[in-house]
């Protein structure tokens, strides 16, 4: 049970064989022998995650990096699950602790920015997003999130600039197109907004919010028949 290489390789075997419940049973046995086996906590965290036991997975990954403060993967996985579960405060604390121990890459800085953005700390969020851009200037998601920050501040020209940068790098993301359309709508630039709304609903016809906003866009202009036509299209 204390053979670190064996425990490490066991994780790979479990993933290949999809034997996650067996992994949970075995690692409980290992941890009963040695509760400070950080690799065993990490492995059981993955098994919990794969069986949709997310709270247990978070706890297991936390034990792993508390036992071994230099175990980088445990920090990453703990923060990632917290982020997925929308536990943004927990994720943020872990990401900030991560950068104290390891060199932060663009993805980590971007995640910190998102945690701050989603907890309404917009000024701090932008600082981390711009730091992320300093490491990777071709990260379309970072440009998009900077645009979102400016949109939350109603600074529409700045939001438009960064949305357009994101679309320049990936012009098929419907959320980018939709957000740019809303920014143009906020400035009354309806001729630019209309084709973007259309592209967004065509790219993601299952997104109810896109259709409603698109219809309201025409309704606000007094074009009721056009708005009704869009709602009918959405129902199809």
Protein backbone atom coordinates (compact mmCIF):
# COMPACT_ATOMS: atom_id res chain seq x y z
CA UNK A 1 0.00 0.00 0.00
CA UNK A 2 2.92 2.39 0.48
CA UNK A 3 4.38 1.69 -2.96
CA UNK A 4 3.87 5.12 -4.51
CA UNK A 5 4.56 3.99 -8.07
CA UNK A 6 2.04 1.14 -7.78
CA UNK A 7 -0.66 3.45 -6.42
CA UNK A 8 0.09 5.99 -9.14
CA UNK A 9 -0.17 3.38 -11.92
CA UNK A 10 -3.32 1.95 -10.40
CA UNK A 11 -5.12 5.19 -11.27
CA UNK A 12 -4.30 4.71 -14.94
CA UNK A 13 -5.49 1.08 -14.84
CA UNK A 14 -8.79 2.11 -13.25
CA UNK A 15 -9.40 4.78 -15.88
CA UNK A 16 -8.67 2.31 -18.70
CA UNK A 17 -10.89 -0.41 -17.25
CA UNK A 18 -13.64 1.85 -15.91
CA UNK A 19 -13.55 0.04 -12.54
CA UNK A 20 -14.28 3.03 -10.34
CA UNK A 21 -16.25 1.28 -7.59
CA UNK A 22 -13.47 -1.30 -7.27
CA UNK A 23 -11.06 1.60 -6.93
CA UNK A 24 -13.12 3.13 -4.12
CA UNK A 25 -13.17 -0.20 -2.24
CA UNK A 26 -9.45 -0.81 -2.64
CA UNK A 27 -8.40 2.71 -1.69
CA UNK A 28 -10.57 2.63 1.41
CA UNK A 29 -8.55 -0.45 2.37
CA UNK A 30 -5.27 1.37 1.66
CA UNK A 31 -6.36 4.44 3.62
CA UNK A 32 -7.38 2.31 6.59
CA UNK A 33 -3.76 1.13 6.69
CA UNK A 34 -2.25 4.58 6.04
CA UNK A 35 -4.62 7.56 6.18
CA UNK A 36 -1.77 9.88 5.11
CA UNK A 37 -1.28 8.27 1.70
CA UNK A 38 -1.88 11.33 -0.47
CA UNK A 39 -1.80 9.31 -3.69
CA UNK A 40 -4.57 7.06 -2.39
CA UNK A 41 -6.70 10.11 -1.54
CA UNK A 42 -6.08 11.47 -5.02
CA UNK A 43 -7.05 8.17 -6.67
CA UNK A 44 -10.21 7.80 -4.64
CA UNK A 45 -11.06 11.40 -5.51
CA UNK A 46 -11.01 10.47 -9.19
CA UNK A 47 -13.14 7.40 -8.51
CA UNK A 48 -15.69 9.49 -6.61
CA UNK A 49 -15.79 12.02 -9.42
CA UNK A 50 -16.32 9.30 -12.03
CA UNK A 51 -19.25 7.92 -10.02
CA UNK A 52 -20.82 11.39 -9.66
CA UNK A 53 -19.99 11.70 -5.95
CA UNK A 54 -18.71 15.23 -6.32
CA UNK A 55 -18.71 16.37 -2.68
CA UNK A 56 -16.71 13.29 -1.70
CA UNK A 57 -14.33 13.90 -4.61
CA UNK A 58 -13.71 17.48 -3.47
CA UNK A 59 -12.93 16.30 0.07
CA UNK A 60 -10.57 13.59 -1.19
CA UNK A 61 -8.58 15.98 -3.39
CA UNK A 62 -8.37 18.42 -0.50
CA UNK A 63 -6.91 15.73 1.76
CA UNK A 64 -4.38 14.93 -0.97
CA UNK A 65 -2.92 18.44 -1.16
CA UNK A 66 -3.20 19.05 2.58
CA UNK A 67 -1.01 15.99 3.14
CA UNK A 68 1.38 16.94 0.34
CA UNK A 69 1.43 20.68 -0.32
CA UNK A 70 3.55 20.14 -3.44
CA UNK A 71 1.06 17.82 -5.14
CA UNK A 72 0.05 20.05 -8.05
CA UNK A 73 -2.58 17.79 -9.65
CA UNK A 74 -4.69 17.66 -6.50
CA UNK A 75 -4.97 21.46 -6.38
CA UNK A 76 -5.98 21.59 -10.04
CA UNK A 77 -8.60 18.86 -9.77
CA UNK A 78 -10.06 20.18 -6.52
CA UNK A 79 -10.43 23.68 -7.97
CA UNK A 80 -11.80 22.39 -11.26
CA UNK A 81 -14.59 20.40 -9.60
CA UNK A 82 -15.45 23.32 -7.31
CA UNK A 83 -15.62 25.52 -10.40
CA UNK A 84 -17.87 23.03 -12.21
CA UNK A 85 -20.14 22.88 -9.17
CA UNK A 86 -20.22 26.70 -9.06
CA UNK A 87 -18.51 26.80 -5.67
CA UNK A 88 -16.61 29.83 -6.89
CA UNK A 89 -15.33 30.99 -3.51
CA UNK A 90 -13.84 27.56 -2.79
CA UNK A 91 -12.35 27.33 -6.27
CA UNK A 92 -10.86 30.81 -5.95
CA UNK A 93 -9.19 30.02 -2.62
CA UNK A 94 -7.63 26.91 -4.11
CA UNK A 95 -6.44 28.65 -7.27
CA UNK A 96 -4.86 31.44 -5.20
CA UNK A 97 -3.17 28.84 -3.01
CA UNK A 98 -1.99 27.10 -6.17
CA UNK A 99 -0.18 30.21 -7.42
CA UNK A 100 1.61 30.46 -4.07
CA UNK A 101 3.18 27.03 -4.64
CA UNK A 102 3.50 26.76 -8.43
CA UNK A 103 4.00 28.89 -11.50
CA UNK A 104 0.59 29.92 -12.83
CA UNK A 105 -0.15 29.40 -16.50
CA UNK A 106 -2.68 31.33 -18.58
CA UNK A 107 -5.46 28.84 -17.86
CA UNK A 108 -5.07 29.13 -14.08
CA UNK A 109 -5.04 32.94 -14.25
CA UNK A 110 -8.13 32.86 -16.46
CA UNK A 111 -9.93 30.60 -13.97
CA UNK A 112 -9.08 32.99 -11.15
CA UNK A 113 -10.50 35.78 -13.28
CA UNK A 114 -13.71 33.84 -13.88
CA UNK A 115 -14.15 33.07 -10.17
CA UNK A 116 -13.80 36.77 -9.42
CA UNK A 117 -16.11 37.71 -12.29
CA UNK A 118 -18.83 35.31 -11.13
CA UNK A 119 -18.63 36.69 -7.60
CA UNK A 120 -18.98 40.28 -8.88
CA UNK A 121 -15.38 41.33 -8.26
CA UNK A 122 -15.09 42.77 -11.75
CA UNK A 123 -12.08 45.04 -11.23
CA UNK A 124 -9.95 42.23 -9.80
CA UNK A 125 -11.22 39.83 -12.45
CA UNK A 126 -9.94 42.05 -15.25
CA UNK A 127 -6.49 42.18 -13.67
CA UNK A 128 -6.19 38.40 -13.84
CA UNK A 129 -7.66 38.19 -17.33
CA UNK A 130 -5.12 40.70 -18.62
CA UNK A 131 -2.36 38.75 -16.87
CA UNK A 132 -3.60 35.64 -18.65
CA UNK A 133 -3.47 37.48 -21.99
CA UNK A 134 0.11 38.40 -21.23
CA UNK A 135 0.92 34.68 -21.28
CA UNK A 136 -1.39 33.67 -24.13
CA UNK A 137 -2.63 36.31 -26.55
CA UNK A 138 -4.59 33.81 -28.62
CA UNK A 139 -6.96 32.69 -25.87
CA UNK A 140 -10.39 33.58 -27.25
CA UNK A 141 -12.17 32.77 -23.97
CA UNK A 142 -10.11 35.32 -22.08
CA UNK A 143 -11.00 38.06 -24.58
CA UNK A 144 -14.64 37.06 -24.24
CA UNK A 145 -14.59 37.22 -20.45
CA UNK A 146 -12.92 40.63 -20.50
CA UNK A 147 -15.76 41.69 -22.78
CA UNK A 148 -18.25 40.29 -20.29
CA UNK A 149 -16.63 42.29 -17.49
CA UNK A 150 -16.95 45.52 -19.46
CA UNK A 151 -20.55 44.61 -20.31
CA UNK A 152 -21.33 44.22 -16.60
CA UNK A 153 -19.96 47.73 -16.16
CA UNK A 154 -22.08 48.99 -19.12
CA UNK A 155 -18.89 50.01 -20.90
CA UNK A 156 -20.21 48.81 -24.23
CA UNK A 157 -17.55 50.11 -26.65
CA UNK A 158 -14.85 48.30 -24.64
CA UNK A 159 -17.02 45.19 -24.43
CA UNK A 160 -17.49 45.23 -28.20
CA UNK A 161 -13.76 45.51 -28.77
CA UNK A 162 -13.00 42.39 -26.74
CA UNK A 163 -15.96 40.41 -28.06
CA UNK A 164 -14.71 41.08 -31.58
CA UNK A 165 -11.23 39.91 -30.59
CA UNK A 166 -12.74 36.66 -29.28
CA UNK A 167 -14.73 36.16 -32.49
CA UNK A 168 -11.65 36.87 -34.59
CA UNK A 169 -10.06 33.82 -32.96
CA UNK A 170 -13.20 31.65 -32.98
CA UNK A 171 -16.11 32.82 -35.11
CA UNK A 172 -18.31 29.78 -34.46
CA UNK A 173 -18.99 30.29 -30.75
CA UNK A 174 -22.65 31.24 -30.46
CA UNK A 175 -22.18 32.81 -27.01
CA UNK A 176 -19.62 35.22 -28.47
CA UNK A 177 -21.98 36.19 -31.30
CA UNK A 178 -24.92 36.60 -28.92
CA UNK A 179 -22.99 38.79 -26.48
CA UNK A 180 -21.68 41.01 -29.27
CA UNK A 181 -25.24 41.37 -30.60
CA UNK A 182 -26.47 42.44 -27.16
CA UNK A 183 -23.66 44.99 -26.89
CA UNK A 184 -24.56 46.52 -30.25
CA UNK A 185 -28.24 46.52 -29.21
CA UNK A 186 -27.34 48.38 -26.01
CA UNK A 187 -25.76 51.12 -28.13
CA UNK A 188 -28.69 51.22 -30.54
CA UNK A 189 -26.59 49.88 -33.40
CA UNK A 190 -29.39 47.64 -34.59
CA UNK A 191 -28.11 47.02 -38.10
CA UNK A 192 -25.03 45.38 -36.65
CA UNK A 193 -26.92 43.52 -33.94
CA UNK A 194 -29.55 41.86 -36.16
CA UNK A 195 -27.32 39.53 -38.22
CA UNK A 196 -25.40 38.52 -35.10
CA UNK A 197 -28.60 37.51 -33.30
CA UNK A 198 -29.57 35.48 -36.37
CA UNK A 199 -26.19 33.72 -36.45
CA UNK A 200 -26.44 32.95 -32.74
CA UNK A 201 -29.88 31.31 -32.95
CA UNK A 202 -28.83 29.39 -36.06
CA UNK A 203 -25.71 28.12 -34.29
CA UNK A 204 -27.57 27.15 -31.09
CA UNK A 205 -31.30 26.76 -31.83
CA UNK A 206 -31.80 24.97 -28.51
CA UNK A 207 -30.92 28.11 -26.52
CA UNK A 208 -34.26 29.59 -25.45
CA UNK A 209 -32.63 32.77 -24.12
CA UNK A 210 -31.21 33.58 -27.55
CA UNK A 211 -34.62 33.35 -29.24
CA UNK A 212 -36.36 35.44 -26.56
CA UNK A 213 -33.73 38.17 -26.70
CA UNK A 214 -33.81 38.13 -30.51
CA UNK A 215 -37.61 38.56 -30.47
CA UNK A 216 -37.42 41.32 -27.86
CA UNK A 217 -34.83 43.05 -30.02
CA UNK A 218 -37.46 43.56 -32.73
CA UNK A 219 -40.29 44.15 -30.28
CA UNK A 220 -38.42 47.12 -28.80
CA UNK A 221 -38.20 48.57 -32.29
CA UNK A 222 -41.96 48.24 -32.71
CA UNK A 223 -41.61 45.43 -35.24
CA UNK A 224 -44.18 43.16 -33.64
CA UNK A 225 -44.78 40.95 -36.67
CA UNK A 226 -41.05 40.29 -37.01
CA UNK A 227 -40.87 39.40 -33.29
CA UNK A 228 -43.84 37.04 -33.68
CA UNK A 229 -42.18 35.42 -36.69
CA UNK A 230 -39.05 34.74 -34.61
CA UNK A 231 -41.11 33.18 -31.78
CA UNK A 232 -42.84 30.94 -34.32
CA UNK A 233 -39.48 29.91 -35.73
CA UNK A 234 -38.27 29.15 -32.22
CA UNK A 235 -41.23 26.84 -31.60
CA UNK A 236 -40.26 24.80 -34.66
